[in-house]
Amino acid sequence: MNLPTERSEEDFFEVICYMISSAANLPRETKAYGPFRLIDAASRLVTVLENNGVQSTRLEVLRSKIDKMKYGVMVDVEQFNQALQDLVVDLVPLMDMPPLPQESHGSEPTPKAVGD
């Protein structure tokens, strides 16, 4: 995987900063916010990979499932916890799914914002 060096480093650095600042804030936040931060970081990481030319059906499926359920923690913590358990079960068939073959690197992928 040949990632554009400067943009890749910046994108990954942003996700790492989010994870570190999340860890620093967790002691002052409600208990349920920790799992949200982790699942949100996973979604952000998939976005960074896609923005850097990594194409994968299973990553797209995973991010879609995450993005549909992650804000549920603000509505119903028990339902959010169940959605997390369901997501773990959903990982099993995705592990057996092959990633899409890399397309030619003739054109650079269009940058997208990682944002919230």
PDB file of N, CA and C in Angstrom:
ATOM      1  N   MET A   1       0.853  -1.163   0.000  1.00  0.00           N
ATOM      2  CA  MET A   1       0.000   0.000   0.000  1.00  0.00           C
ATOM      3  C   MET A   1       0.900   1.228   0.000  1.00  0.00           C
ATOM      4  N   ASN A   2       0.840   2.001  -1.088  1.00  0.00           N
ATOM      5  CA  ASN A   2       1.609   3.233  -1.191  1.00  0.00           C
ATOM      6  C   ASN A   2       0.723   4.407  -0.841  1.00  0.00           C
ATOM      7  N   LEU A   3       0.884   4.941   0.354  1.00  0.00           N
ATOM      8  CA  LEU A   3       0.087   6.074   0.788  1.00  0.00           C
ATOM      9  C   LEU A   3       0.867   7.356   0.556  1.00  0.00           C
ATOM     10  N   PRO A   4       0.174   8.419   0.104  1.00  0.00           N
ATOM     11  CA  PRO A   4       0.854   9.703  -0.021  1.00  0.00           C
ATOM     12  C   PRO A   4       1.375  10.138   1.351  1.00  0.00           C
ATOM     13  N   THR A   5       2.663  10.275   1.482  1.00  0.00           N
ATOM     14  CA  THR A   5       3.326  10.421   2.774  1.00  0.00           C
ATOM     15  C   THR A   5       2.821  11.571   3.625  1.00  0.00           C
ATOM     16  N   GLU A   6       2.869  12.803   3.135  1.00  0.00           N
ATOM     17  CA  GLU A   6       2.536  13.953   3.971  1.00  0.00           C
ATOM     18  C   GLU A   6       1.062  13.940   4.386  1.00  0.00           C
ATOM     19  N   ARG A   7       0.166  13.714   3.439  1.00  0.00           N
ATOM     20  CA  ARG A   7      -1.261  13.706   3.762  1.00  0.00           C
ATOM     21  C   ARG A   7      -1.597  12.544   4.672  1.00  0.00           C
ATOM     22  N   SER A   8      -1.023  11.391   4.418  1.00  0.00           N
ATOM     23  CA  SER A   8      -1.278  10.228   5.252  1.00  0.00           C
ATOM     24  C   SER A   8      -0.864  10.473   6.685  1.00  0.00           C
ATOM     25  N   GLU A   9       0.328  11.014   6.843  1.00  0.00           N
ATOM     26  CA  GLU A   9       0.834  11.271   8.192  1.00  0.00           C
ATOM     27  C   GLU A   9      -0.094  12.230   8.916  1.00  0.00           C
ATOM     28  N   GLU A  10      -0.544  13.268   8.236  1.00  0.00           N
ATOM     29  CA  GLU A  10      -1.430  14.255   8.857  1.00  0.00           C
ATOM     30  C   GLU A  10      -2.769  13.625   9.239  1.00  0.00           C
ATOM     31  N   ASP A  11      -3.341  12.823   8.341  1.00  0.00           N
ATOM     32  CA  ASP A  11      -4.626  12.163   8.609  1.00  0.00           C
ATOM     33  C   ASP A  11      -4.516  11.206   9.796  1.00  0.00           C
ATOM     34  N   PHE A  12      -3.489  10.382   9.792  1.00  0.00           N
ATOM     35  CA  PHE A  12      -3.306   9.433  10.887  1.00  0.00           C
ATOM     36  C   PHE A  12      -2.992  10.159  12.194  1.00  0.00           C
ATOM     37  N   PHE A  13      -2.207  11.236  12.111  1.00  0.00           N
ATOM     38  CA  PHE A  13      -1.886  12.017  13.300  1.00  0.00           C
ATOM     39  C   PHE A  13      -3.160  12.585  13.918  1.00  0.00           C
ATOM     40  N   GLU A  14      -4.096  13.039  13.084  1.00  0.00           N
ATOM     41  CA  GLU A  14      -5.366  13.582  13.584  1.00  0.00           C
ATOM     42  C   GLU A  14      -6.157  12.522  14.358  1.00  0.00           C
ATOM     43  N   VAL A  15      -6.213  11.305  13.830  1.00  0.00           N
ATOM     44  CA  VAL A  15      -6.922  10.229  14.527  1.00  0.00           C
ATOM     45  C   VAL A  15      -6.216   9.889  15.838  1.00  0.00           C
ATOM     46  N   ILE A  16      -4.891   9.848  15.823  1.00  0.00           N
ATOM     47  CA  ILE A  16      -4.133   9.558  17.035  1.00  0.00           C
ATOM     48  C   ILE A  16      -4.362  10.652  18.082  1.00  0.00           C
ATOM     49  N   CYS A  17      -4.376  11.907  17.667  1.00  0.00           N
ATOM     50  CA  CYS A  17      -4.661  13.012  18.602  1.00  0.00           C
ATOM     51  C   CYS A  17      -6.057  12.862  19.197  1.00  0.00           C
ATOM     52  N   TYR A  18      -7.021  12.477  18.374  1.00  0.00           N
ATOM     53  CA  TYR A  18      -8.386  12.260  18.867  1.00  0.00           C
ATOM     54  C   TYR A  18      -8.391  11.157  19.931  1.00  0.00           C
ATOM     55  N   MET A  19      -7.675  10.087  19.671  1.00  0.00           N
ATOM     56  CA  MET A  19      -7.635   8.965  20.616  1.00  0.00           C
ATOM     57  C   MET A  19      -6.958   9.370  21.926  1.00  0.00           C
ATOM     58  N   ILE A  20      -5.865  10.108  21.836  1.00  0.00           N
ATOM     59  CA  ILE A  20      -5.152  10.527  23.046  1.00  0.00           C
ATOM     60  C   ILE A  20      -5.982  11.517  23.846  1.00  0.00           C
ATOM     61  N   SER A  21      -6.585  12.494  23.183  1.00  0.00           N
ATOM     62  CA  SER A  21      -7.408  13.464  23.916  1.00  0.00           C
ATOM     63  C   SER A  21      -8.646  12.786  24.495  1.00  0.00           C
ATOM     64  N   SER A  22      -9.173  11.786  23.801  1.00  0.00           N
ATOM     65  CA  SER A  22     -10.293  11.014  24.336  1.00  0.00           C
ATOM     66  C   SER A  22      -9.879  10.297  25.617  1.00  0.00           C
ATOM     67  N   ALA A  23      -8.718   9.671  25.594  1.00  0.00           N
ATOM     68  CA  ALA A  23      -8.229   8.964  26.781  1.00  0.00           C
ATOM     69  C   ALA A  23      -8.047   9.935  27.948  1.00  0.00           C
ATOM     70  N   ALA A  24      -7.544  11.122  27.664  1.00  0.00           N
ATOM     71  CA  ALA A  24      -7.329  12.114  28.727  1.00  0.00           C
ATOM     72  C   ALA A  24      -8.647  12.590  29.330  1.00  0.00           C
ATOM     73  N   ASN A  25      -9.698  12.658  28.526  1.00  0.00           N
ATOM     74  CA  ASN A  25     -10.993  13.151  29.001  1.00  0.00           C
ATOM     75  C   ASN A  25     -11.853  12.074  29.653  1.00  0.00           C
ATOM     76  N   LEU A  26     -11.574  10.811  29.410  1.00  0.00           N
ATOM     77  CA  LEU A  26     -12.435   9.741  29.913  1.00  0.00           C
ATOM     78  C   LEU A  26     -12.637   9.739  31.423  1.00  0.00           C
ATOM     79  N   PRO A  27     -11.624  10.024  32.227  1.00  0.00           N
ATOM     80  CA  PRO A  27     -11.868  10.005  33.681  1.00  0.00           C
ATOM     81  C   PRO A  27     -12.938  10.994  34.147  1.00  0.00           C
ATOM     82  N   ARG A  28     -13.190  12.050  33.370  1.00  0.00           N
ATOM     83  CA  ARG A  28     -14.178  13.055  33.750  1.00  0.00           C
ATOM     84  C   ARG A  28     -15.523  12.859  33.054  1.00  0.00           C
ATOM     85  N   GLU A  29     -15.608  11.886  32.179  1.00  0.00           N
ATOM     86  CA  GLU A  29     -16.829  11.679  31.409  1.00  0.00           C
ATOM     87  C   GLU A  29     -17.619  10.494  31.953  1.00  0.00           C
ATOM     88  N   THR A  30     -18.860  10.388  31.498  1.00  0.00           N
ATOM     89  CA  THR A  30     -19.683   9.265  31.923  1.00  0.00           C
ATOM     90  C   THR A  30     -19.095   7.965  31.391  1.00  0.00           C
ATOM     91  N   LYS A  31     -19.347   6.888  32.089  1.00  0.00           N
ATOM     92  CA  LYS A  31     -18.792   5.574  31.757  1.00  0.00           C
ATOM     93  C   LYS A  31     -19.120   5.151  30.325  1.00  0.00           C
ATOM     94  N   ALA A  32     -20.311   5.440  29.867  1.00  0.00           N
ATOM     95  CA  ALA A  32     -20.743   4.996  28.536  1.00  0.00           C
ATOM     96  C   ALA A  32     -20.029   5.728  27.406  1.00  0.00           C
ATOM     97  N   TYR A  33     -19.397   6.854  27.712  1.00  0.00           N
ATOM     98  CA  TYR A  33     -18.759   7.622  26.654  1.00  0.00           C
ATOM     99  C   TYR A  33     -17.476   6.961  26.145  1.00  0.00           C
ATOM    100  N   GLY A  34     -16.820   6.146  26.955  1.00  0.00           N
ATOM    101  CA  GLY A  34     -15.606   5.453  26.528  1.00  0.00           C
ATOM    102  C   GLY A  34     -15.829   4.565  25.318  1.00  0.00           C
ATOM    103  N   PRO A  35     -16.830   3.668  25.358  1.00  0.00           N
ATOM    104  CA  PRO A  35     -17.095   2.842  24.174  1.00  0.00           C
ATOM    105  C   PRO A  35     -17.445   3.676  22.937  1.00  0.00           C
ATOM    106  N   PHE A  36     -18.171   4.792  23.148  1.00  0.00           N
ATOM    107  CA  PHE A  36     -18.479   5.673  22.013  1.00  0.00           C
ATOM    108  C   PHE A  36     -17.193   6.211  21.400  1.00  0.00           C
ATOM    109  N   ARG A  37     -16.283   6.678  22.229  1.00  0.00           N
ATOM    110  CA  ARG A  37     -15.022   7.239  21.723  1.00  0.00           C
ATOM    111  C   ARG A  37     -14.241   6.193  20.918  1.00  0.00           C
ATOM    112  N   LEU A  38     -14.198   4.958  21.422  1.00  0.00           N
ATOM    113  CA  LEU A  38     -13.469   3.900  20.706  1.00  0.00           C
ATOM    114  C   LEU A  38     -14.112   3.574  19.362  1.00  0.00           C
ATOM    115  N   ILE A  39     -15.434   3.449  19.353  1.00  0.00           N
ATOM    116  CA  ILE A  39     -16.125   3.094  18.113  1.00  0.00           C
ATOM    117  C   ILE A  39     -16.057   4.251  17.115  1.00  0.00           C
ATOM    118  N   ASP A  40     -16.095   5.483  17.612  1.00  0.00           N
ATOM    119  CA  ASP A  40     -15.952   6.647  16.741  1.00  0.00           C
ATOM    120  C   ASP A  40     -14.547   6.698  16.148  1.00  0.00           C
ATOM    121  N   ALA A  41     -13.534   6.370  16.945  1.00  0.00           N
ATOM    122  CA  ALA A  41     -12.156   6.339  16.438  1.00  0.00           C
ATOM    123  C   ALA A  41     -12.017   5.289  15.328  1.00  0.00           C
ATOM    124  N   ALA A  42     -12.691   4.150  15.475  1.00  0.00           N
ATOM    125  CA  ALA A  42     -12.646   3.121  14.432  1.00  0.00           C
ATOM    126  C   ALA A  42     -13.252   3.655  13.132  1.00  0.00           C
ATOM    127  N   SER A  43     -14.364   4.356  13.236  1.00  0.00           N
ATOM    128  CA  SER A  43     -14.998   4.946  12.060  1.00  0.00           C
ATOM    129  C   SER A  43     -14.082   5.982  11.410  1.00  0.00           C
ATOM    130  N   ARG A  44     -13.458   6.812  12.228  1.00  0.00           N
ATOM    131  CA  ARG A  44     -12.532   7.823  11.710  1.00  0.00           C
ATOM    132  C   ARG A  44     -11.339   7.177  11.010  1.00  0.00           C
ATOM    133  N   LEU A  45     -10.844   6.090  11.568  1.00  0.00           N
ATOM    134  CA  LEU A  45      -9.706   5.394  10.967  1.00  0.00           C
ATOM    135  C   LEU A  45     -10.074   4.839   9.597  1.00  0.00           C
ATOM    136  N   VAL A  46     -11.263   4.274   9.462  1.00  0.00           N
ATOM    137  CA  VAL A  46     -11.716   3.775   8.156  1.00  0.00           C
ATOM    138  C   VAL A  46     -11.770   4.931   7.161  1.00  0.00           C
ATOM    139  N   THR A  47     -12.272   6.084   7.591  1.00  0.00           N
ATOM    140  CA  THR A  47     -12.327   7.255   6.708  1.00  0.00           C
ATOM    141  C   THR A  47     -10.933   7.665   6.259  1.00  0.00           C
ATOM    142  N   VAL A  48      -9.977   7.687   7.168  1.00  0.00           N
ATOM    143  CA  VAL A  48      -8.599   8.044   6.811  1.00  0.00           C
ATOM    144  C   VAL A  48      -8.038   7.042   5.799  1.00  0.00           C
ATOM    145  N   LEU A  49      -8.276   5.770   6.026  1.00  0.00           N
ATOM    146  CA  LEU A  49      -7.790   4.756   5.086  1.00  0.00           C
ATOM    147  C   LEU A  49      -8.395   4.979   3.699  1.00  0.00           C
ATOM    148  N   GLU A  50      -9.700   5.229   3.639  1.00  0.00           N
ATOM    149  CA  GLU A  50     -10.358   5.475   2.353  1.00  0.00           C
ATOM    150  C   GLU A  50      -9.811   6.731   1.687  1.00  0.00           C
ATOM    151  N   ASN A  51      -9.608   7.788   2.474  1.00  0.00           N
ATOM    152  CA  ASN A  51      -9.072   9.036   1.921  1.00  0.00           C
ATOM    153  C   ASN A  51      -7.667   8.871   1.375  1.00  0.00           C
ATOM    154  N   ASN A  52      -6.992   7.817   1.806  1.00  0.00           N
ATOM    155  CA  ASN A  52      -5.625   7.560   1.351  1.00  0.00           C
ATOM    156  C   ASN A  52      -5.564   6.406   0.361  1.00  0.00           C
ATOM    157  N   GLY A  53      -6.695   6.087  -0.250  1.00  0.00           N
ATOM    158  CA  GLY A  53      -6.713   5.135  -1.353  1.00  0.00           C
ATOM    159  C   GLY A  53      -6.938   3.688  -0.985  1.00  0.00           C
ATOM    160  N   VAL A  54      -7.211   3.376   0.261  1.00  0.00           N
ATOM    161  CA  VAL A  54      -7.483   1.990   0.648  1.00  0.00           C
ATOM    162  C   VAL A  54      -8.962   1.720   0.412  1.00  0.00           C
ATOM    163  N   GLN A  55      -9.253   0.836  -0.515  1.00  0.00           N
ATOM    164  CA  GLN A  55     -10.624   0.484  -0.856  1.00  0.00           C
ATOM    165  C   GLN A  55     -10.942  -0.899  -0.301  1.00  0.00           C
ATOM    166  N   SER A  56     -12.039  -1.012   0.432  1.00  0.00           N
ATOM    167  CA  SER A  56     -12.401  -2.293   1.018  1.00  0.00           C
ATOM    168  C   SER A  56     -13.898  -2.327   1.291  1.00  0.00           C
ATOM    169  N   THR A  57     -14.559  -3.313   0.726  1.00  0.00           N
ATOM    170  CA  THR A  57     -15.988  -3.473   0.963  1.00  0.00           C
ATOM    171  C   THR A  57     -16.248  -3.713   2.441  1.00  0.00           C
ATOM    172  N   ARG A  58     -15.430  -4.545   3.071  1.00  0.00           N
ATOM    173  CA  ARG A  58     -15.688  -4.854   4.475  1.00  0.00           C
ATOM    174  C   ARG A  58     -15.477  -3.648   5.381  1.00  0.00           C
ATOM    175  N   LEU A  59     -14.528  -2.777   5.059  1.00  0.00           N
ATOM    176  CA  LEU A  59     -14.354  -1.556   5.842  1.00  0.00           C
ATOM    177  C   LEU A  59     -15.533  -0.604   5.645  1.00  0.00           C
ATOM    178  N   GLU A  60     -16.036  -0.528   4.404  1.00  0.00           N
ATOM    179  CA  GLU A  60     -17.208   0.311   4.138  1.00  0.00           C
ATOM    180  C   GLU A  60     -18.418  -0.201   4.909  1.00  0.00           C
ATOM    181  N   VAL A  61     -18.624  -1.520   4.911  1.00  0.00           N
ATOM    182  CA  VAL A  61     -19.741  -2.127   5.640  1.00  0.00           C
ATOM    183  C   VAL A  61     -19.601  -1.834   7.129  1.00  0.00           C
ATOM    184  N   LEU A  62     -18.410  -2.018   7.647  1.00  0.00           N
ATOM    185  CA  LEU A  62     -18.163  -1.802   9.063  1.00  0.00           C
ATOM    186  C   LEU A  62     -18.412  -0.351   9.464  1.00  0.00           C
ATOM    187  N   ARG A  63     -17.870   0.595   8.685  1.00  0.00           N
ATOM    188  CA  ARG A  63     -18.076   2.003   9.004  1.00  0.00           C
ATOM    189  C   ARG A  63     -19.554   2.371   8.928  1.00  0.00           C
ATOM    190  N   SER A  64     -20.253   1.843   7.955  1.00  0.00           N
ATOM    191  CA  SER A  64     -21.683   2.120   7.836  1.00  0.00           C
ATOM    192  C   SER A  64     -22.446   1.644   9.071  1.00  0.00           C
ATOM    193  N   LYS A  65     -22.140   0.436   9.527  1.00  0.00           N
ATOM    194  CA  LYS A  65     -22.797  -0.107  10.728  1.00  0.00           C
ATOM    195  C   LYS A  65     -22.449   0.732  11.961  1.00  0.00           C
ATOM    196  N   ILE A  66     -21.195   1.122  12.080  1.00  0.00           N
ATOM    197  CA  ILE A  66     -20.761   1.944  13.211  1.00  0.00           C
ATOM    198  C   ILE A  66     -21.493   3.283  13.207  1.00  0.00           C
ATOM    199  N   ASP A  67     -21.505   3.935  12.043  1.00  0.00           N
ATOM    200  CA  ASP A  67     -22.089   5.270  11.964  1.00  0.00           C
ATOM    201  C   ASP A  67     -23.595   5.260  12.222  1.00  0.00           C
ATOM    202  N   LYS A  68     -24.256   4.148  11.930  1.00  0.00           N
ATOM    203  CA  LYS A  68     -25.694   4.044  12.187  1.00  0.00           C
ATOM    204  C   LYS A  68     -26.003   3.873  13.670  1.00  0.00           C
ATOM    205  N   MET A  69     -25.058   3.332  14.433  1.00  0.00           N
ATOM    206  CA  MET A  69     -25.367   3.018  15.833  1.00  0.00           C
ATOM    207  C   MET A  69     -24.628   3.857  16.862  1.00  0.00           C
ATOM    208  N   LYS A  70     -23.559   4.538  16.487  1.00  0.00           N
ATOM    209  CA  LYS A  70     -22.681   5.142  17.491  1.00  0.00           C
ATOM    210  C   LYS A  70     -23.328   6.224  18.342  1.00  0.00           C
ATOM    211  N   TYR A  71     -24.244   6.997  17.797  1.00  0.00           N
ATOM    212  CA  TYR A  71     -24.873   8.046  18.600  1.00  0.00           C
ATOM    213  C   TYR A  71     -26.008   7.521  19.474  1.00  0.00           C
ATOM    214  N   GLY A  72     -26.312   6.237  19.356  1.00  0.00           N
ATOM    215  CA  GLY A  72     -27.326   5.614  20.190  1.00  0.00           C
ATOM    216  C   GLY A  72     -26.992   5.684  21.665  1.00  0.00           C
ATOM    217  N   VAL A  73     -25.723   5.845  21.996  1.00  0.00           N
ATOM    218  CA  VAL A  73     -25.315   5.940  23.399  1.00  0.00           C
ATOM    219  C   VAL A  73     -25.974   7.134  24.077  1.00  0.00           C
ATOM    220  N   MET A  74     -26.315   8.145  23.311  1.00  0.00           N
ATOM    221  CA  MET A  74     -26.923   9.349  23.886  1.00  0.00           C
ATOM    222  C   MET A  74     -28.426   9.176  24.117  1.00  0.00           C
ATOM    223  N   VAL A  75     -28.989   8.113  23.539  1.00  0.00           N
ATOM    224  CA  VAL A  75     -30.430   7.876  23.649  1.00  0.00           C
ATOM    225  C   VAL A  75     -30.734   6.746  24.624  1.00  0.00           C
ATOM    226  N   ASP A  76     -30.059   5.607  24.440  1.00  0.00           N
ATOM    227  CA  ASP A  76     -30.340   4.424  25.249  1.00  0.00           C
ATOM    228  C   ASP A  76     -29.047   3.621  25.396  1.00  0.00           C
ATOM    229  N   VAL A  77     -28.427   3.700  26.552  1.00  0.00           N
ATOM    230  CA  VAL A  77     -27.131   3.055  26.787  1.00  0.00           C
ATOM    231  C   VAL A  77     -27.223   1.545  26.622  1.00  0.00           C
ATOM    232  N   GLU A  78     -28.282   0.931  27.131  1.00  0.00           N
ATOM    233  CA  GLU A  78     -28.416  -0.534  27.007  1.00  0.00           C
ATOM    234  C   GLU A  78     -28.547  -0.954  25.549  1.00  0.00           C
ATOM    235  N   GLN A  79     -29.314  -0.201  24.774  1.00  0.00           N
ATOM    236  CA  GLN A  79     -29.456  -0.506  23.351  1.00  0.00           C
ATOM    237  C   GLN A  79     -28.121  -0.313  22.627  1.00  0.00           C
ATOM    238  N   PHE A  80     -27.378   0.729  22.997  1.00  0.00           N
ATOM    239  CA  PHE A  80     -26.055   0.971  22.431  1.00  0.00           C
ATOM    240  C   PHE A  80     -25.121  -0.192  22.757  1.00  0.00           C
ATOM    241  N   ASN A  81     -25.141  -0.651  24.018  1.00  0.00           N
ATOM    242  CA  ASN A  81     -24.297  -1.789  24.414  1.00  0.00           C
ATOM    243  C   ASN A  81     -24.655  -3.039  23.620  1.00  0.00           C
ATOM    244  N   GLN A  82     -25.944  -3.259  23.380  1.00  0.00           N
ATOM    245  CA  GLN A  82     -26.358  -4.412  22.578  1.00  0.00           C
ATOM    246  C   GLN A  82     -25.894  -4.255  21.128  1.00  0.00           C
ATOM    247  N   ALA A  83     -25.978  -3.038  20.612  1.00  0.00           N
ATOM    248  CA  ALA A  83     -25.505  -2.791  19.246  1.00  0.00           C
ATOM    249  C   ALA A  83     -24.012  -3.065  19.128  1.00  0.00           C
ATOM    250  N   LEU A  84     -23.249  -2.738  20.173  1.00  0.00           N
ATOM    251  CA  LEU A  84     -21.814  -3.058  20.177  1.00  0.00           C
ATOM    252  C   LEU A  84     -21.595  -4.566  20.135  1.00  0.00           C
ATOM    253  N   GLN A  85     -22.365  -5.313  20.928  1.00  0.00           N
ATOM    254  CA  GLN A  85     -22.252  -6.768  20.926  1.00  0.00           C
ATOM    255  C   GLN A  85     -22.616  -7.336  19.556  1.00  0.00           C
ATOM    256  N   ASP A  86     -23.661  -6.791  18.949  1.00  0.00           N
ATOM    257  CA  ASP A  86     -24.067  -7.229  17.609  1.00  0.00           C
ATOM    258  C   ASP A  86     -22.974  -6.935  16.588  1.00  0.00           C
ATOM    259  N   LEU A  87     -22.309  -5.787  16.752  1.00  0.00           N
ATOM    260  CA  LEU A  87     -21.226  -5.412  15.843  1.00  0.00           C
ATOM    261  C   LEU A  87     -20.063  -6.392  15.940  1.00  0.00           C
ATOM    262  N   VAL A  88     -19.771  -6.848  17.133  1.00  0.00           N
ATOM    263  CA  VAL A  88     -18.717  -7.858  17.316  1.00  0.00           C
ATOM    264  C   VAL A  88     -19.072  -9.128  16.551  1.00  0.00           C
ATOM    265  N   VAL A  89     -20.323  -9.553  16.645  1.00  0.00           N
ATOM    266  CA  VAL A  89     -20.771 -10.747  15.922  1.00  0.00           C
ATOM    267  C   VAL A  89     -20.676 -10.504  14.413  1.00  0.00           C
ATOM    268  N   ASP A  90     -21.000  -9.295  13.979  1.00  0.00           N
ATOM    269  CA  ASP A  90     -20.933  -8.953  12.552  1.00  0.00           C
ATOM    270  C   ASP A  90     -19.506  -8.978  12.010  1.00  0.00           C
ATOM    271  N   LEU A  91     -18.507  -8.892  12.890  1.00  0.00           N
ATOM    272  CA  LEU A  91     -17.116  -8.924  12.441  1.00  0.00           C
ATOM    273  C   LEU A  91     -16.723 -10.284  11.856  1.00  0.00           C
ATOM    274  N   VAL A  92     -17.310 -11.345  12.374  1.00  0.00           N
ATOM    275  CA  VAL A  92     -16.889 -12.696  11.984  1.00  0.00           C
ATOM    276  C   VAL A  92     -16.995 -12.921  10.478  1.00  0.00           C
ATOM    277  N   PRO A  93     -18.159 -12.704   9.842  1.00  0.00           N
ATOM    278  CA  PRO A  93     -18.194 -12.922   8.391  1.00  0.00           C
ATOM    279  C   PRO A  93     -17.323 -11.928   7.622  1.00  0.00           C
ATOM    280  N   LEU A  94     -17.130 -10.729   8.171  1.00  0.00           N
ATOM    281  CA  LEU A  94     -16.271  -9.742   7.501  1.00  0.00           C
ATOM    282  C   LEU A  94     -14.810 -10.192   7.489  1.00  0.00           C
ATOM    283  N   MET A  95     -14.404 -10.960   8.504  1.00  0.00           N
ATOM    284  CA  MET A  95     -13.027 -11.463   8.552  1.00  0.00           C
ATOM    285  C   MET A  95     -12.733 -12.404   7.390  1.00  0.00           C
ATOM    286  N   ASP A  96     -13.753 -13.115   6.934  1.00  0.00           N
ATOM    287  CA  ASP A  96     -13.577 -14.052   5.825  1.00  0.00           C
ATOM    288  C   ASP A  96     -13.740 -13.387   4.463  1.00  0.00           C
ATOM    289  N   MET A  97     -14.239 -12.152   4.442  1.00  0.00           N
ATOM    290  CA  MET A  97     -14.450 -11.437   3.189  1.00  0.00           C
ATOM    291  C   MET A  97     -13.117 -10.867   2.716  1.00  0.00           C
ATOM    292  N   PRO A  98     -12.726 -11.149   1.466  1.00  0.00           N
ATOM    293  CA  PRO A  98     -11.460 -10.586   0.982  1.00  0.00           C
ATOM    294  C   PRO A  98     -11.611  -9.086   0.731  1.00  0.00           C
ATOM    295  N   PRO A  99     -10.546  -8.332   0.988  1.00  0.00           N
ATOM    296  CA  PRO A  99     -10.598  -6.903   0.653  1.00  0.00           C
ATOM    297  C   PRO A  99     -10.633  -6.745  -0.860  1.00  0.00           C
ATOM    298  N   LEU A 100     -11.147  -5.626  -1.328  1.00  0.00           N
ATOM    299  CA  LEU A 100     -11.144  -5.366  -2.760  1.00  0.00           C
ATOM    300  C   LEU A 100      -9.710  -5.254  -3.244  1.00  0.00           C
ATOM    301  N   PRO A 101      -9.427  -5.735  -4.446  1.00  0.00           N
ATOM    302  CA  PRO A 101      -8.063  -5.540  -4.969  1.00  0.00           C
ATOM    303  C   PRO A 101      -7.801  -4.051  -5.158  1.00  0.00           C
ATOM    304  N   GLN A 102      -6.566  -3.639  -4.910  1.00  0.00           N
ATOM    305  CA  GLN A 102      -6.191  -2.240  -5.072  1.00  0.00           C
ATOM    306  C   GLN A 102      -6.311  -1.850  -6.536  1.00  0.00           C
ATOM    307  N   GLU A 103      -6.945  -0.697  -6.770  1.00  0.00           N
ATOM    308  CA  GLU A 103      -7.039  -0.181  -8.126  1.00  0.00           C
ATOM    309  C   GLU A 103      -5.717   0.457  -8.496  1.00  0.00           C
ATOM    310  N   SER A 104      -5.558   0.738  -9.787  1.00  0.00           N
ATOM    311  CA  SER A 104      -4.307   1.361 -10.204  1.00  0.00           C
ATOM    312  C   SER A 104      -4.165   2.707  -9.513  1.00  0.00           C
ATOM    313  N   HIS A 105      -2.941   3.073  -9.233  1.00  0.00           N
ATOM    314  CA  HIS A 105      -2.659   4.309  -8.521  1.00  0.00           C
ATOM    315  C   HIS A 105      -2.400   5.462  -9.495  1.00  0.00           C
ATOM    316  N   GLY A 106      -3.102   5.447 -10.636  1.00  0.00           N
ATOM    317  CA  GLY A 106      -2.915   6.489 -11.634  1.00  0.00           C
ATOM    318  C   GLY A 106      -3.437   7.842 -11.193  1.00  0.00           C
ATOM    319  N   SER A 107      -4.459   7.858 -10.373  1.00  0.00           N
ATOM    320  CA  SER A 107      -4.973   9.134  -9.892  1.00  0.00           C
ATOM    321  C   SER A 107      -5.043   9.113  -8.381  1.00  0.00           C
ATOM    322  N   GLU A 108      -4.818  10.257  -7.804  1.00  0.00           N
ATOM    323  CA  GLU A 108      -4.819  10.381  -6.351  1.00  0.00           C
ATOM    324  C   GLU A 108      -6.264  10.469  -5.856  1.00  0.00           C
ATOM    325  N   PRO A 109      -6.576   9.822  -4.726  1.00  0.00           N
ATOM    326  CA  PRO A 109      -7.944   9.895  -4.214  1.00  0.00           C
ATOM    327  C   PRO A 109      -8.309  11.315  -3.801  1.00  0.00           C
ATOM    328  N   THR A 110      -9.613  11.616  -3.902  1.00  0.00           N
ATOM    329  CA  THR A 110     -10.103  12.920  -3.490  1.00  0.00           C
ATOM    330  C   THR A 110     -10.091  13.022  -1.987  1.00  0.00           C
ATOM    331  N   PRO A 111      -9.446  14.055  -1.427  1.00  0.00           N
ATOM    332  CA  PRO A 111      -9.408  14.180   0.039  1.00  0.00           C
ATOM    333  C   PRO A 111     -10.798  14.458   0.603  1.00  0.00           C
ATOM    334  N   LYS A 112     -11.077  13.895   1.769  1.00  0.00           N
ATOM    335  CA  LYS A 112     -12.321  14.127   2.482  1.00  0.00           C
ATOM    336  C   LYS A 112     -11.966  14.535   3.906  1.00  0.00           C
ATOM    337  N   ALA A 113     -12.851  15.302   4.526  1.00  0.00           N
ATOM    338  CA  ALA A 113     -12.626  15.712   5.915  1.00  0.00           C
ATOM    339  C   ALA A 113     -12.883  14.553   6.843  1.00  0.00           C
ATOM    340  N   VAL A 114     -12.063  14.396   7.878  1.00  0.00           N
ATOM    341  CA  VAL A 114     -12.272  13.346   8.867  1.00  0.00           C
ATOM    342  C   VAL A 114     -13.398  13.757   9.790  1.00  0.00           C
ATOM    343  N   GLY A 115     -13.484  15.008  10.186  1.00  0.00           N
ATOM    344  CA  GLY A 115     -14.541  15.611  10.982  1.00  0.00           C
ATOM    345  C   GLY A 115     -15.318  14.723  11.925  1.00  0.00           C
ATOM    346  N   ASP A 116     -16.172  15.327  12.714  1.00  0.00           N
ATOM    347  CA  ASP A 116     -16.996  14.597  13.688  1.00  0.00           C
ATOM    348  C   ASP A 116     -18.157  13.933  13.044  1.00  0.00           C
TER     349      ASP A 116
END
